[in-house]
Amino acid sequence: MNLKFKISFMDQLRFFRHCNFSSGELARIRQILRPNGTTMILPYDQFIEHDCRHLEAKSDAGNPDYIINLALKGQYNAIAIHYGLAKRFWSKYDGQIPLILKINGKTSIPSDKHALSTYTSYVEDAVKIGAVAVGYTMYYGSTRQDEDLPQLATVRKVCEQYGMPLIVWAYPRGEAMEAKGGKDSNYALESAARLAMEMGATIIKSNLPKTAKTDFFENEKVPEYYRNLEKELQTLNPAKQKTERARRVVSSAQGVPVLFSGGDLIEGSALDDNSNACIEGGCLGFIYGRNMWKRPENEAMQMSTELQKLLDSKGKPMFA
């Protein structure tokens, strides 16, 4: 890739110009980008991760056809689902929306103390079914990293053989991580994004960091650098603080694009605030699931349109 390439607002690959990506990765990545290079993805892997509790939603959340049609009507750039849904439901839509095949997962039954997300399908399945990328959950800080990281390295190796983009869900988890301030701190999420980048991710999925609890400052298991950083961050007003937290996660990936997830269903105004902070922080886009498909359809459609307008008007890479 010629790093002297002149980047313009309408360069569809402008978020991918800072690092080297293969031609196969870029050819597939183009299929999930908006004209200005940002993206909006609808994930629907939560029925494996959280069990069937999402049937409580004020929508037809248990119906895969409803979810896929929501993505189509809402003009999402891709949908992220597991193999069974892809084979039995997505394939009926004749490639109307690009597929990201999620190839690992876990149930919510065992404790997260020693979290590990294992194969639910394989890269070869993604190639065969026509996916444009695979998704892999990596649990940063888990005591089972001796199993997780070699598994991820194997996935990355096979992805490279096929020119398949690898999207890493970079999630801090486990009792060791909780002892060091928890899964939602900048310390945890910046470090998780950095590990995903160093493991070979094409795109990184992250949560937006949250304000750390008071005991974080006295926790000697947390590096002093991050204890001092947290104190500085908490002196900023709420909007600037969120933006700076997002910016630091994006910066930690050093040019590998970062998507932010929405997490649990939250009020629309809070989601708007978070989304603005992530855009200002330089993210590639959003991968919002429960915050879309658990809402009534008309509300989800309205929010999807507003978020895509935000991406189209303000989205720009940190590294250019």
Protein backbone atom coordinates (compact mmCIF):
# COMPACT_ATOMS: atom_id res chain seq x y z
CA MET A 1 0.00 0.00 0.00
CA ASN A 2 1.40 3.41 -0.99
CA LEU A 3 1.36 5.43 2.24
CA LYS A 4 1.70 8.64 0.19
CA PHE A 5 -1.80 8.08 -1.16
CA LYS A 6 -3.70 11.36 -0.96
CA ILE A 7 -6.63 10.77 1.34
CA SER A 8 -9.88 12.54 0.53
CA PHE A 9 -13.20 12.52 2.36
CA MET A 10 -14.70 10.16 -0.20
CA ASP A 11 -11.79 7.70 -0.21
CA GLN A 12 -13.70 4.58 0.83
CA LEU A 13 -10.59 2.95 2.31
CA ARG A 14 -9.32 6.02 4.15
CA PHE A 15 -9.52 4.26 7.54
CA PHE A 16 -7.23 1.55 6.15
CA ARG A 17 -4.43 3.70 4.70
CA HIS A 18 -2.18 3.91 7.76
CA CYS A 19 -1.37 0.18 7.96
CA ASN A 20 -0.69 -2.58 5.48
CA PHE A 21 -3.67 -4.76 4.52
CA SER A 22 -3.78 -7.50 1.88
CA SER A 23 -5.66 -7.04 -1.37
CA GLY A 24 -8.05 -9.82 -0.35
CA GLU A 25 -8.86 -8.13 2.94
CA LEU A 26 -9.49 -4.80 1.26
CA ALA A 27 -11.63 -6.28 -1.52
CA ARG A 28 -13.95 -7.80 1.08
CA ILE A 29 -13.81 -4.84 3.43
CA ARG A 30 -15.07 -2.52 0.67
CA GLN A 31 -18.33 -4.46 0.70
CA ILE A 32 -19.15 -3.36 4.27
CA LEU A 33 -18.15 0.31 4.03
CA ARG A 34 -20.27 3.38 3.40
CA PRO A 35 -19.09 5.74 0.60
CA ASN A 36 -17.11 7.85 3.10
CA GLY A 37 -15.40 4.78 4.56
CA THR A 38 -17.38 4.36 7.79
CA THR A 39 -19.67 1.45 8.63
CA MET A 40 -22.73 0.44 10.64
CA ILE A 41 -23.07 -3.25 11.51
CA LEU A 42 -25.93 -5.10 13.19
CA PRO A 43 -24.69 -7.96 15.43
CA TYR A 44 -27.02 -10.75 16.49
CA ASP A 45 -24.78 -13.20 18.37
CA GLN A 46 -26.30 -12.41 21.77
CA PHE A 47 -28.72 -15.35 21.96
CA ILE A 48 -25.67 -17.61 22.31
CA GLU A 49 -23.88 -15.27 24.69
CA HIS A 50 -26.80 -14.30 26.96
CA ASP A 51 -29.35 -17.11 26.46
CA CYS A 52 -33.00 -16.41 25.52
CA ARG A 53 -33.56 -13.55 27.97
CA HIS A 54 -33.73 -11.17 25.00
CA LEU A 55 -37.22 -12.45 24.23
CA GLU A 56 -38.26 -9.73 26.71
CA ALA A 57 -37.58 -7.14 24.01
CA LYS A 58 -40.32 -4.84 22.70
CA SER A 59 -39.76 -6.30 19.25
CA ASP A 60 -39.74 -9.68 17.50
CA ALA A 61 -36.17 -10.15 18.73
CA GLY A 62 -36.22 -13.95 18.69
CA ASN A 63 -36.96 -14.10 14.96
CA PRO A 64 -33.85 -14.09 12.72
CA ASP A 65 -35.94 -12.99 9.73
CA TYR A 66 -37.04 -9.92 11.70
CA ILE A 67 -33.41 -9.07 12.48
CA ILE A 68 -32.23 -9.49 8.89
CA ASN A 69 -35.12 -7.40 7.58
CA LEU A 70 -34.33 -4.75 10.20
CA ALA A 71 -30.78 -4.62 8.83
CA LEU A 72 -32.07 -4.39 5.26
CA LYS A 73 -34.65 -1.69 5.97
CA GLY A 74 -32.19 0.22 8.13
CA GLN A 75 -29.52 0.11 5.39
CA TYR A 76 -26.89 -1.47 7.61
CA ASN A 77 -23.59 -2.34 5.97
CA ALA A 78 -23.41 -5.90 7.34
CA ILE A 79 -24.92 -8.32 9.81
CA ALA A 80 -22.88 -10.44 12.26
CA ILE A 81 -24.37 -13.85 13.14
CA HIS A 82 -23.40 -17.44 13.88
CA TYR A 83 -23.32 -20.28 11.37
CA GLY A 84 -26.75 -21.80 11.98
CA LEU A 85 -28.54 -18.50 11.41
CA ALA A 86 -26.36 -17.77 8.39
CA LYS A 87 -27.13 -21.12 6.78
CA ARG A 88 -30.83 -21.34 7.63
CA PHE A 89 -31.86 -17.68 7.37
CA TRP A 90 -29.30 -15.29 5.83
CA SER A 91 -28.81 -17.52 2.79
CA LYS A 92 -32.50 -17.00 1.88
CA TYR A 93 -31.83 -13.33 1.19
CA ASP A 94 -29.51 -14.01 -1.76
CA GLY A 95 -26.67 -11.76 -0.63
CA GLN A 96 -28.81 -8.66 -0.06
CA ILE A 97 -26.67 -7.72 2.94
CA PRO A 98 -23.04 -8.72 3.62
CA LEU A 99 -22.40 -11.39 6.24
CA ILE A 100 -19.83 -11.38 9.03
CA LEU A 101 -19.69 -14.94 10.36
CA LYS A 102 -19.08 -15.11 14.11
CA ILE A 103 -16.97 -18.23 14.58
CA ASN A 104 -16.65 -18.51 18.36
CA GLY A 105 -18.82 -17.98 21.41
CA LYS A 106 -19.83 -19.20 24.85
CA THR A 107 -22.98 -19.48 26.92
CA SER A 108 -23.74 -17.40 30.00
CA ILE A 109 -24.05 -20.45 32.25
CA PRO A 110 -20.44 -20.92 33.49
CA SER A 111 -18.81 -18.17 35.51
CA ASP A 112 -16.75 -15.56 33.67
CA LYS A 113 -13.92 -16.06 36.14
CA HIS A 114 -12.01 -18.16 33.59
CA ALA A 115 -13.69 -17.00 30.39
CA LEU A 116 -12.98 -18.66 27.04
CA SER A 117 -14.91 -18.34 23.77
CA THR A 118 -14.51 -21.52 21.71
CA TYR A 119 -15.23 -22.42 18.08
CA THR A 120 -18.83 -22.50 16.93
CA SER A 121 -17.74 -22.69 13.27
CA TYR A 122 -14.61 -22.16 11.19
CA VAL A 123 -13.05 -19.79 8.68
CA GLU A 124 -13.65 -22.37 5.94
CA ASP A 125 -17.38 -22.19 6.75
CA ALA A 126 -17.26 -18.43 6.27
CA VAL A 127 -15.59 -18.84 2.87
CA LYS A 128 -18.05 -21.52 1.76
CA ILE A 129 -21.18 -19.63 2.79
CA GLY A 130 -20.04 -16.34 1.23
CA ALA A 131 -19.13 -14.20 4.26
CA VAL A 132 -17.08 -11.04 3.78
CA ALA A 133 -15.37 -11.32 7.19
CA VAL A 134 -15.17 -13.46 10.32
CA GLY A 135 -15.69 -12.32 13.89
CA TYR A 136 -13.71 -13.70 16.82
CA THR A 137 -14.10 -12.91 20.53
CA MET A 138 -10.77 -12.57 22.40
CA TYR A 139 -10.94 -12.32 26.19
CA TYR A 140 -8.06 -10.10 27.21
CA GLY A 141 -6.67 -10.92 30.65
CA SER A 142 -8.47 -14.25 31.08
CA THR A 143 -6.53 -16.96 32.89
CA ARG A 144 -7.29 -19.15 29.86
CA GLN A 145 -5.24 -17.01 27.49
CA ASP A 146 -2.97 -20.02 26.93
CA GLU A 147 -5.92 -21.52 25.01
CA ASP A 148 -7.48 -18.33 23.63
CA LEU A 149 -4.43 -16.75 22.00
CA PRO A 150 -3.24 -19.87 20.12
CA GLN A 151 -6.83 -20.38 18.92
CA LEU A 152 -6.91 -16.79 17.66
CA ALA A 153 -3.50 -17.21 16.02
CA THR A 154 -4.84 -20.25 14.15
CA VAL A 155 -7.89 -18.29 12.99
CA ARG A 156 -5.67 -15.42 11.83
CA LYS A 157 -3.44 -17.81 9.89
CA VAL A 158 -6.39 -19.37 8.03
CA CYS A 159 -7.89 -15.92 7.38
CA GLU A 160 -4.64 -14.88 5.71
CA GLN A 161 -4.73 -17.95 3.48
CA TYR A 162 -8.14 -16.89 2.15
CA GLY A 163 -7.68 -13.10 2.26
CA MET A 164 -10.51 -13.00 4.79
CA PRO A 165 -10.80 -9.97 7.11
CA LEU A 166 -10.60 -10.79 10.82
CA ILE A 167 -12.72 -8.68 13.17
CA VAL A 168 -11.68 -9.20 16.79
CA TRP A 169 -14.12 -8.56 19.62
CA ALA A 170 -11.47 -7.27 22.09
CA TYR A 171 -13.15 -7.86 25.44
CA PRO A 172 -11.41 -7.85 28.83
CA ARG A 173 -12.74 -10.67 31.03
CA GLY A 174 -12.00 -12.91 33.97
CA GLU A 175 -11.17 -12.80 37.65
CA ALA A 176 -7.59 -11.59 37.04
CA MET A 177 -8.96 -8.64 35.05
CA GLU A 178 -11.52 -7.85 37.75
CA ALA A 179 -8.70 -7.77 40.31
CA LYS A 180 -7.00 -5.11 38.18
CA GLY A 181 -9.84 -2.63 38.07
CA GLY A 182 -12.46 -4.40 35.97
CA LYS A 183 -13.36 -4.90 32.33
CA ASP A 184 -14.62 -1.39 31.54
CA SER A 185 -11.63 0.81 32.39
CA ASN A 186 -9.39 2.55 29.90
CA TYR A 187 -6.55 0.40 31.22
CA ALA A 188 -8.46 -2.78 30.29
CA LEU A 189 -9.94 -1.68 26.96
CA GLU A 190 -6.89 0.12 25.58
CA SER A 191 -4.78 -2.92 26.43
CA ALA A 192 -7.30 -5.31 24.87
CA ALA A 193 -7.40 -3.29 21.65
CA ARG A 194 -3.61 -3.23 21.51
CA LEU A 195 -3.41 -7.01 21.92
CA ALA A 196 -6.00 -7.52 19.16
CA MET A 197 -3.90 -5.30 16.87
CA GLU A 198 -0.74 -7.25 17.70
CA MET A 199 -2.54 -10.55 17.10
CA GLY A 200 -3.30 -9.47 13.53
CA ALA A 201 -6.86 -8.10 13.58
CA THR A 202 -8.16 -6.34 10.46
CA ILE A 203 -10.75 -4.45 12.52
CA ILE A 204 -11.18 -4.27 16.30
CA LYS A 205 -14.49 -4.21 18.14
CA SER A 206 -14.36 -2.48 21.52
CA ASN A 207 -16.62 -1.15 24.22
CA LEU A 208 -16.49 2.51 25.18
CA PRO A 209 -14.58 2.76 28.50
CA LYS A 210 -16.45 3.88 31.59
CA THR A 211 -15.45 5.97 34.57
CA ALA A 212 -13.53 3.82 37.04
CA LYS A 213 -14.72 3.37 40.61
CA THR A 214 -13.01 5.14 43.50
CA ASP A 215 -11.10 2.05 44.67
CA PHE A 216 -9.34 1.99 41.28
CA PHE A 217 -6.97 4.73 42.48
CA GLU A 218 -5.75 2.70 45.47
CA ASN A 219 -5.53 -0.60 43.59
CA GLU A 220 -1.80 -1.33 43.39
CA LYS A 221 -2.49 -4.12 40.91
CA VAL A 222 -3.35 -1.41 38.36
CA PRO A 223 -0.25 0.20 36.80
CA GLU A 224 0.48 3.61 38.30
CA TYR A 225 0.32 5.17 34.82
CA TYR A 226 -3.34 4.21 34.48
CA ARG A 227 -4.25 5.22 38.02
CA ASN A 228 -2.86 8.69 37.32
CA LEU A 229 -4.51 8.77 33.89
CA GLU A 230 -7.90 7.95 35.39
CA LYS A 231 -7.59 10.86 37.80
CA GLU A 232 -6.83 13.19 34.88
CA LEU A 233 -9.73 11.87 32.82
CA GLN A 234 -12.17 12.43 35.65
CA THR A 235 -11.30 16.13 35.75
CA LEU A 236 -12.82 16.56 32.25
CA ASN A 237 -16.47 17.38 31.69
CA PRO A 238 -18.61 14.33 30.80
CA ALA A 239 -18.63 14.89 27.02
CA LYS A 240 -14.90 15.55 26.73
CA GLN A 241 -14.17 12.66 29.05
CA LYS A 242 -16.09 10.19 26.88
CA THR A 243 -14.42 11.50 23.73
CA GLU A 244 -10.96 11.21 25.25
CA ARG A 245 -11.69 7.68 26.47
CA ALA A 246 -12.77 6.68 22.95
CA ARG A 247 -9.80 8.46 21.37
CA ARG A 248 -7.35 6.57 23.55
CA VAL A 249 -8.81 3.19 22.54
CA VAL A 250 -8.60 4.13 18.85
CA SER A 251 -5.04 5.39 19.36
CA SER A 252 -3.99 2.17 21.09
CA ALA A 253 -4.75 0.25 17.88
CA GLN A 254 -2.35 2.49 15.91
CA GLY A 255 -4.30 2.63 12.68
CA VAL A 256 -6.14 -0.68 12.79
CA PRO A 257 -9.74 0.60 12.60
CA VAL A 258 -11.92 0.37 15.71
CA LEU A 259 -15.66 -0.24 15.90
CA PHE A 260 -17.51 0.61 19.09
CA SER A 261 -20.33 -1.53 20.41
CA GLY A 262 -23.38 -0.25 22.26
CA GLY A 263 -23.47 -2.82 25.06
CA ASP A 264 -26.63 -3.16 27.12
CA LEU A 265 -29.82 -1.40 26.02
CA ILE A 266 -29.61 2.22 27.21
CA GLU A 267 -31.68 5.37 26.84
CA GLY A 268 -31.57 6.96 23.39
CA SER A 269 -30.03 10.18 24.68
CA ALA A 270 -27.19 8.26 26.38
CA LEU A 271 -26.59 6.29 23.18
CA ASP A 272 -26.44 9.56 21.23
CA ASP A 273 -23.85 10.94 23.66
CA ASN A 274 -21.75 7.79 23.42
CA SER A 275 -22.00 7.72 19.63
CA ASN A 276 -20.86 11.33 19.31
CA ALA A 277 -17.90 10.63 21.60
CA CYS A 278 -16.88 7.59 19.55
CA ILE A 279 -17.10 9.53 16.27
CA GLU A 280 -15.07 12.40 17.71
CA GLY A 281 -12.60 9.81 18.97
CA GLY A 282 -11.92 8.60 15.41
CA CYS A 283 -13.78 5.27 15.23
CA LEU A 284 -14.57 3.40 12.00
CA GLY A 285 -18.21 3.08 12.98
CA PHE A 286 -20.72 1.30 15.18
CA ILE A 287 -21.65 -2.31 15.78
CA TYR A 288 -24.87 -1.85 17.74
CA GLY A 289 -27.06 -4.88 18.43
CA ARG A 290 -29.32 -4.80 21.51
CA ASN A 291 -29.55 -1.02 21.28
CA MET A 292 -31.24 -1.48 17.92
CA TRP A 293 -33.14 -4.77 17.72
CA LYS A 294 -34.49 -4.68 21.29
CA ARG A 295 -36.31 -1.40 20.58
CA PRO A 296 -39.67 -1.10 18.81
CA GLU A 297 -39.02 -1.25 15.07
CA ASN A 298 -39.97 2.35 14.30
CA GLU A 299 -37.69 3.63 17.04
CA ALA A 300 -34.83 1.42 15.85
CA MET A 301 -35.27 2.69 12.29
CA GLN A 302 -35.21 6.32 13.37
CA MET A 303 -32.09 5.85 15.50
CA SER A 304 -30.34 3.91 12.75
CA THR A 305 -30.94 6.72 10.27
CA GLU A 306 -29.67 9.35 12.71
CA LEU A 307 -26.52 7.38 13.49
CA GLN A 308 -25.74 6.86 9.82
CA LYS A 309 -26.15 10.57 9.15
CA LEU A 310 -23.68 11.18 11.97
CA LEU A 311 -21.20 8.75 10.42
CA ASP A 312 -21.59 10.34 6.99
CA SER A 313 -21.15 13.90 8.24
CA LYS A 314 -18.49 13.55 10.94
CA GLY A 315 -16.71 10.23 10.52
CA LYS A 316 -12.98 10.63 9.91
CA PRO A 317 -9.91 8.52 10.75
CA MET A 318 -7.47 9.46 13.47
CA PHE A 319 -4.52 8.29 11.38
CA ALA A 320 -4.39 9.91 7.95
